[in-house]
Protein backbone atom coordinates (compact mmCIF):
# COMPACT_ATOMS: atom_id res chain seq x y z
CA UNK A 1 -0.07 -0.14 0.08
CA UNK A 2 1.11 3.33 -0.87
CA UNK A 3 2.00 6.04 1.61
CA UNK A 4 -0.74 8.33 0.45
CA UNK A 5 -3.33 5.32 0.43
CA UNK A 6 -2.19 4.42 3.95
CA UNK A 7 -2.70 8.07 4.89
CA UNK A 8 -6.24 8.08 3.34
CA UNK A 9 -7.30 4.87 5.50
CA UNK A 10 -6.13 6.18 8.54
CA UNK A 11 -8.06 9.70 7.76
CA UNK A 12 -11.34 7.84 7.11
CA UNK A 13 -10.90 5.74 10.18
CA UNK A 14 -10.18 8.92 11.79
CA UNK A 15 -13.54 10.66 10.41
CA UNK A 16 -15.65 7.60 11.30
CA UNK A 17 -14.21 6.86 15.17
CA UNK A 18 -17.05 7.08 17.58
CA UNK A 19 -14.86 7.34 20.55
CA UNK A 20 -12.02 9.55 21.90
CA UNK A 21 -10.17 6.70 22.77
CA UNK A 22 -9.96 5.55 19.03
CA UNK A 23 -9.40 9.36 18.00
CA UNK A 24 -6.31 9.37 20.20
CA UNK A 25 -4.96 6.09 18.98
CA UNK A 26 -5.01 7.15 15.36
CA UNK A 27 -3.84 10.57 15.79
CA UNK A 28 -1.03 9.20 17.84
CA UNK A 29 -0.13 6.74 14.90
CA UNK A 30 -0.61 9.69 12.53
CA UNK A 31 1.80 11.66 14.56
CA UNK A 32 4.36 8.81 14.97
CA UNK A 33 4.67 7.06 11.55
CA UNK A 34 3.99 9.75 8.90
CA UNK A 35 6.03 12.64 7.74
CA UNK A 36 4.00 14.44 4.93
CA UNK A 37 4.55 16.93 2.05
CA UNK A 38 2.19 19.46 0.47
CA UNK A 39 1.29 16.79 -2.25
CA UNK A 40 0.90 13.86 0.12
CA UNK A 41 -1.73 16.39 2.16
CA UNK A 42 -3.59 17.50 -0.55
CA UNK A 43 -4.20 14.10 -2.01
CA UNK A 44 -5.26 12.42 1.38
CA UNK A 45 -7.19 15.45 2.83
CA UNK A 46 -5.59 14.78 6.42
CA UNK A 47 -4.82 18.30 6.85
CA UNK A 48 -8.44 18.78 6.76
CA UNK A 49 -9.48 16.21 8.86
CA UNK A 50 -6.80 16.82 11.49
CA UNK A 51 -6.95 20.56 11.92
CA UNK A 52 -10.79 20.24 12.49
CA UNK A 53 -9.98 18.08 15.61
CA UNK A 54 -7.83 21.25 17.17
CA UNK A 55 -11.22 22.83 18.48
CA UNK A 56 -12.51 19.17 19.55
CA UNK A 57 -14.23 19.19 23.21
CA UNK A 58 -12.01 16.69 24.56
CA UNK A 59 -8.70 18.55 25.57
CA UNK A 60 -6.41 15.05 24.96
CA UNK A 61 -7.85 15.19 21.20
CA UNK A 62 -7.55 18.88 20.42
CA UNK A 63 -3.83 19.22 22.16
CA UNK A 64 -2.86 16.05 19.78
CA UNK A 65 -4.41 17.41 16.73
CA UNK A 66 -2.33 20.75 17.52
CA UNK A 67 0.91 18.69 17.71
CA UNK A 68 0.48 16.99 14.64
CA UNK A 69 -0.42 20.09 12.64
CA UNK A 70 2.51 21.90 13.93
CA UNK A 71 4.73 18.96 13.02
CA UNK A 72 3.12 18.38 9.77
CA UNK A 73 3.87 22.31 9.05
CA UNK A 74 7.29 21.73 9.65
CA UNK A 75 7.65 18.80 7.46
CA UNK A 76 5.72 20.76 4.81
CA UNK A 77 8.44 23.87 5.29
CA UNK A 78 11.70 21.30 5.39
CA UNK A 79 10.11 19.83 2.26
CA UNK A 80 9.69 23.56 0.31
CA UNK A 81 13.33 24.31 1.36
CA UNK A 82 14.81 21.03 -0.06
CA UNK A 83 13.10 22.35 -3.23
CA UNK A 84 13.89 26.02 -3.81
CA UNK A 85 12.78 25.64 -7.20
CA UNK A 86 9.15 24.81 -6.77
CA UNK A 87 6.66 27.11 -7.35
CA UNK A 88 3.25 27.36 -6.23
CA UNK A 89 0.58 26.94 -9.31
CA UNK A 90 -2.18 30.01 -9.32
CA UNK A 91 -5.01 29.50 -11.37
CA UNK A 92 -3.05 27.05 -13.70
CA UNK A 93 -0.24 29.55 -14.15
CA UNK A 94 2.85 29.77 -12.12
CA UNK A 95 2.98 33.33 -10.44
CA UNK A 96 6.01 35.19 -10.25
CA UNK A 97 6.82 35.48 -6.65
CA UNK A 98 9.81 35.68 -4.22
CA UNK A 99 10.79 32.52 -2.31
CA UNK A 100 9.40 33.91 0.77
CA UNK A 101 5.83 33.87 -0.24
CA UNK A 102 5.80 30.23 -1.57
CA UNK A 103 5.62 28.63 2.19
CA UNK A 104 2.43 26.67 2.24
CA UNK A 105 1.09 26.59 6.13
CA UNK A 106 -0.91 23.40 7.32
CA UNK A 107 -2.42 25.25 10.09
CA UNK A 108 -2.67 28.63 11.98
CA UNK A 109 1.24 30.17 12.62
CA UNK A 110 1.62 30.80 16.52
CA UNK A 111 1.95 33.95 17.25
CA UNK A 112 4.30 35.56 19.86
CA UNK A 113 1.54 35.86 22.81
CA UNK A 114 1.13 31.86 22.07
CA UNK A 115 -2.17 31.80 20.54
CA UNK A 116 -2.72 30.49 17.25
CA UNK A 117 -2.71 33.19 14.55
CA UNK A 118 -5.49 33.49 12.27
CA UNK A 119 -4.62 33.08 8.56
CA UNK A 120 -5.49 35.15 5.64
CA UNK A 121 -3.88 35.93 2.23
CA UNK A 122 -1.63 38.90 4.17
CA UNK A 123 -0.15 36.00 6.51
CA UNK A 124 0.04 33.40 4.04
CA UNK A 125 1.94 35.75 1.69
CA UNK A 126 -0.88 35.06 -0.97
CA UNK A 127 -1.85 38.02 -3.58
CA UNK A 128 -3.93 36.59 -6.14
CA UNK A 129 -3.84 38.22 -9.46
CA UNK A 130 -5.78 35.92 -11.70
CA UNK A 131 -8.50 37.49 -13.26
CA UNK A 132 -7.09 40.88 -14.50
CA UNK A 133 -9.61 42.64 -12.77
CA UNK A 134 -8.32 44.29 -9.82
CA UNK A 135 -12.16 44.42 -8.12
CA UNK A 136 -12.45 40.44 -8.83
CA UNK A 137 -8.81 39.71 -7.44
CA UNK A 138 -9.76 41.39 -4.41
CA UNK A 139 -13.04 40.13 -3.83
CA UNK A 140 -10.95 36.65 -4.46
CA UNK A 141 -8.74 37.90 -1.84
CA UNK A 142 -11.50 38.30 0.49
CA UNK A 143 -13.18 34.78 -0.09
CA UNK A 144 -9.34 33.57 0.49
CA UNK A 145 -9.48 35.05 3.96
CA UNK A 146 -12.90 33.41 4.65
CA UNK A 147 -11.70 30.25 4.14
CA UNK A 148 -7.94 30.34 5.62
CA UNK A 149 -8.42 31.83 8.77
CA UNK A 150 -8.68 28.67 10.91
CA UNK A 151 -7.96 25.90 8.12
CA UNK A 152 -4.92 23.58 7.70
CA UNK A 153 -5.03 22.94 4.22
CA UNK A 154 -2.58 24.36 1.75
CA UNK A 155 -2.21 27.50 0.09
CA UNK A 156 -2.53 26.47 -3.28
CA UNK A 157 -5.74 24.89 -2.54
CA UNK A 158 -7.36 27.88 -0.87
CA UNK A 159 -6.54 29.81 -3.65
CA UNK A 160 -7.80 27.64 -6.24
CA UNK A 161 -11.29 27.42 -3.79
CA UNK A 162 -11.39 31.17 -3.42
CA UNK A 163 -10.92 31.66 -7.30
CA UNK A 164 -13.75 29.07 -7.97
CA UNK A 165 -16.08 30.69 -5.28
CA UNK A 166 -15.44 34.47 -7.02
CA UNK A 167 -15.82 32.72 -10.51
CA UNK A 168 -19.37 31.09 -9.60
CA UNK A 169 -20.73 34.50 -8.16
CA UNK A 170 -19.24 36.57 -11.10
CA UNK A 171 -21.08 34.59 -13.34
CA UNK A 172 -24.28 34.73 -11.59
CA UNK A 173 -24.30 38.35 -11.55
CA UNK A 174 -22.72 39.09 -15.09
CA UNK A 175 -20.43 41.49 -13.55
CA UNK A 176 -18.70 43.41 -10.78
CA UNK A 177 -22.26 44.84 -10.07
CA UNK A 178 -23.25 46.07 -6.66
CA UNK A 179 -25.09 43.07 -6.09
CA UNK A 180 -21.83 40.87 -6.83
CA UNK A 181 -20.11 43.14 -4.13
CA UNK A 182 -23.05 42.31 -1.55
CA UNK A 183 -22.80 38.81 -2.23
CA UNK A 184 -19.29 38.44 -1.64
CA UNK A 185 -19.74 40.32 1.63
CA UNK A 186 -22.62 38.21 2.60
CA UNK A 187 -20.43 35.28 2.00
CA UNK A 188 -17.02 36.20 3.50
CA UNK A 189 -19.26 37.27 6.74
CA UNK A 190 -20.15 33.31 7.23
CA UNK A 191 -17.39 32.13 6.27
CA UNK A 192 -15.77 33.69 8.85
CA UNK A 193 -18.19 32.72 11.33
CA UNK A 194 -15.96 31.17 14.68
CA UNK A 195 -19.18 28.85 15.21
CA UNK A 196 -19.48 27.21 11.59
CA UNK A 197 -16.11 25.66 10.83
CA UNK A 198 -17.79 23.06 9.10
CA UNK A 199 -18.84 25.42 6.43
CA UNK A 200 -15.21 26.42 5.44
CA UNK A 201 -14.02 22.91 5.77
CA UNK A 202 -17.11 21.57 3.14
CA UNK A 203 -15.92 24.61 0.71
CA UNK A 204 -11.83 23.75 0.96
CA UNK A 205 -12.50 19.78 1.07
CA UNK A 206 -14.77 20.09 -2.32
CA UNK A 207 -17.70 18.60 -0.58
CA UNK A 208 -19.63 22.09 -1.37
CA UNK A 209 -19.28 23.74 -4.66
CA UNK A 210 -18.43 26.88 -5.53
CA UNK A 211 -21.53 27.50 -7.80
CA UNK A 212 -23.62 26.24 -4.82
CA UNK A 213 -22.25 28.22 -2.32
CA UNK A 214 -22.23 31.22 -4.47
CA UNK A 215 -26.33 30.91 -4.53
CA UNK A 216 -26.87 29.97 -0.83
CA UNK A 217 -28.28 32.52 1.52
CA UNK A 218 -27.28 33.40 5.12
CA UNK A 219 -29.65 31.02 6.56
CA UNK A 220 -28.98 28.04 4.61
CA UNK A 221 -25.05 28.78 5.73
CA UNK A 222 -26.12 28.41 8.81
CA UNK A 223 -25.19 25.33 11.19
CA UNK A 224 -28.28 23.26 12.28
CA UNK A 225 -27.61 24.40 16.01
CA UNK A 226 -28.09 28.03 14.50
CA UNK A 227 -30.71 27.53 12.77
CA UNK A 228 -32.89 25.60 15.98
CA UNK A 229 -31.64 28.56 18.39
CA UNK A 230 -32.86 31.15 15.68
CA UNK A 231 -36.48 29.24 15.50
CA UNK A 232 -36.63 29.01 19.17
CA UNK A 233 -36.24 32.78 19.44
CA UNK A 234 -38.79 33.37 16.93
CA UNK A 235 -41.03 31.25 18.73
CA UNK A 236 -40.65 33.17 22.03
CA UNK A 237 -40.93 35.91 20.28
CA UNK A 238 -44.24 35.29 18.90
CA UNK A 239 -45.92 33.94 22.26
CA UNK A 240 -44.97 37.46 23.77
CA UNK A 241 -46.28 39.68 21.24
CA UNK A 242 -49.36 37.40 21.23
CA UNK A 243 -49.86 37.40 24.88
CA UNK A 244 -49.34 41.09 25.68
CA UNK A 245 -52.40 42.21 26.97
CA UNK A 246 -54.27 39.07 26.28
CA UNK A 247 -55.83 36.87 28.98
CA UNK A 248 -54.94 33.39 28.99
CA UNK A 249 -57.38 30.68 29.96
CA UNK A 250 -56.56 27.81 32.51
CA UNK A 251 -57.39 24.21 31.49
CA UNK A 252 -56.49 20.99 32.47
CA UNK A 253 -57.06 19.67 28.56
CA UNK A 254 -53.87 19.75 27.77
CA UNK A 255 -50.82 17.51 29.21
CA UNK A 256 -47.25 19.05 29.26
CA UNK A 257 -44.77 16.65 27.44
CA UNK A 258 -41.90 18.07 29.47
CA UNK A 259 -43.09 17.56 33.29
CA UNK A 260 -46.74 15.39 32.40
CA UNK A 261 -48.46 18.11 34.32
CA UNK A 262 -52.22 18.80 32.90
CA UNK A 263 -52.34 22.50 34.87
CA UNK A 264 -51.99 24.58 32.06
CA UNK A 265 -52.86 27.96 30.47
CA UNK A 266 -53.85 28.62 26.88
CA UNK A 267 -54.80 31.34 24.25
CA UNK A 268 -55.78 31.13 20.47
CA UNK A 269 -54.64 33.19 17.83
CA UNK A 270 -55.19 33.45 13.99
CA UNK A 271 -51.44 33.30 12.80
CA UNK A 272 -52.23 32.14 9.22
CA UNK A 273 -55.25 33.37 6.30
CA UNK A 274 -58.50 33.22 7.73
CA UNK A 275 -59.51 30.19 6.08
CA UNK A 276 -56.90 28.67 8.27
CA UNK A 277 -57.47 27.04 11.51
CA UNK A 278 -56.62 28.85 14.64
CA UNK A 279 -53.19 28.41 16.15
CA UNK A 280 -53.24 27.22 20.22
CA UNK A 281 -50.53 28.31 22.48
CA UNK A 282 -50.25 26.71 25.39
CA UNK A 283 -47.75 27.04 28.38
CA UNK A 284 -47.41 24.82 31.73
CA UNK A 285 -48.04 26.50 34.72
CA UNK A 286 -45.95 24.07 36.43
CA UNK A 287 -42.23 23.96 34.63
CA UNK A 288 -43.08 27.09 32.08
CA UNK A 289 -42.86 24.56 28.65
CA UNK A 290 -44.46 26.24 25.82
CA UNK A 291 -45.57 24.58 22.51
CA UNK A 292 -48.10 25.41 20.07
CA UNK A 293 -50.50 23.50 17.40
CA UNK A 294 -53.07 23.99 14.78
């Protein structure tokens, strides 16, 4: 089995691991037995899989993942130094850059204060100049910043994904229109959301296509947890707005699904069209649980 195939196999096992003991065991193997280069990381997607675990709730898992990212970054840097003539490919063409701009990080670089530095086109030494249009290139840089901020992927991979996203948005609006610029800003804001790393990872890994991403609304880009929280807030606000100044009737005709008690208050309101049934809002007197039905 080739080194790449072996690494891919371990990455798959890591992604399918169901407990922290298995994750630690696999990460230990990756740290001890694999010395990587940029091509190996790109082919196996190991940098993405391990980088994702740096924010894992288990300290043992997250610390080990951080150690591997740091080790692999050093491996990539050494491989780069050993091949001084190697050049990163930008949009299919070799750009003219100083050697100092060709370093391909595998994860955020530690800052002087000990915290991981947020990656960006500036910290990675990347300046995209691929479209021949300054506005489009700056927008691609912006998308790069959103994708790279906590990624462990190589510079070239993130660059290509950023260019693909910009190209899809440009095609969607047919030019650098105000709508084009507004969509780029919206995508960037959602990409930079610290609570939504899976959005960034899905684009960098290729699971979410640039074409589909370019058309998504802010709600579609949310995590399931965020979407559920927003829905809960909407329902609570609806309860409060309908309850202002209204008299609720008490009844034992409803049973609370949480505490199983039957002492409840309820009210009814027409929240939809007139030919639709009224919505009943119920509040449990015992535990405060709220629910509604039509």
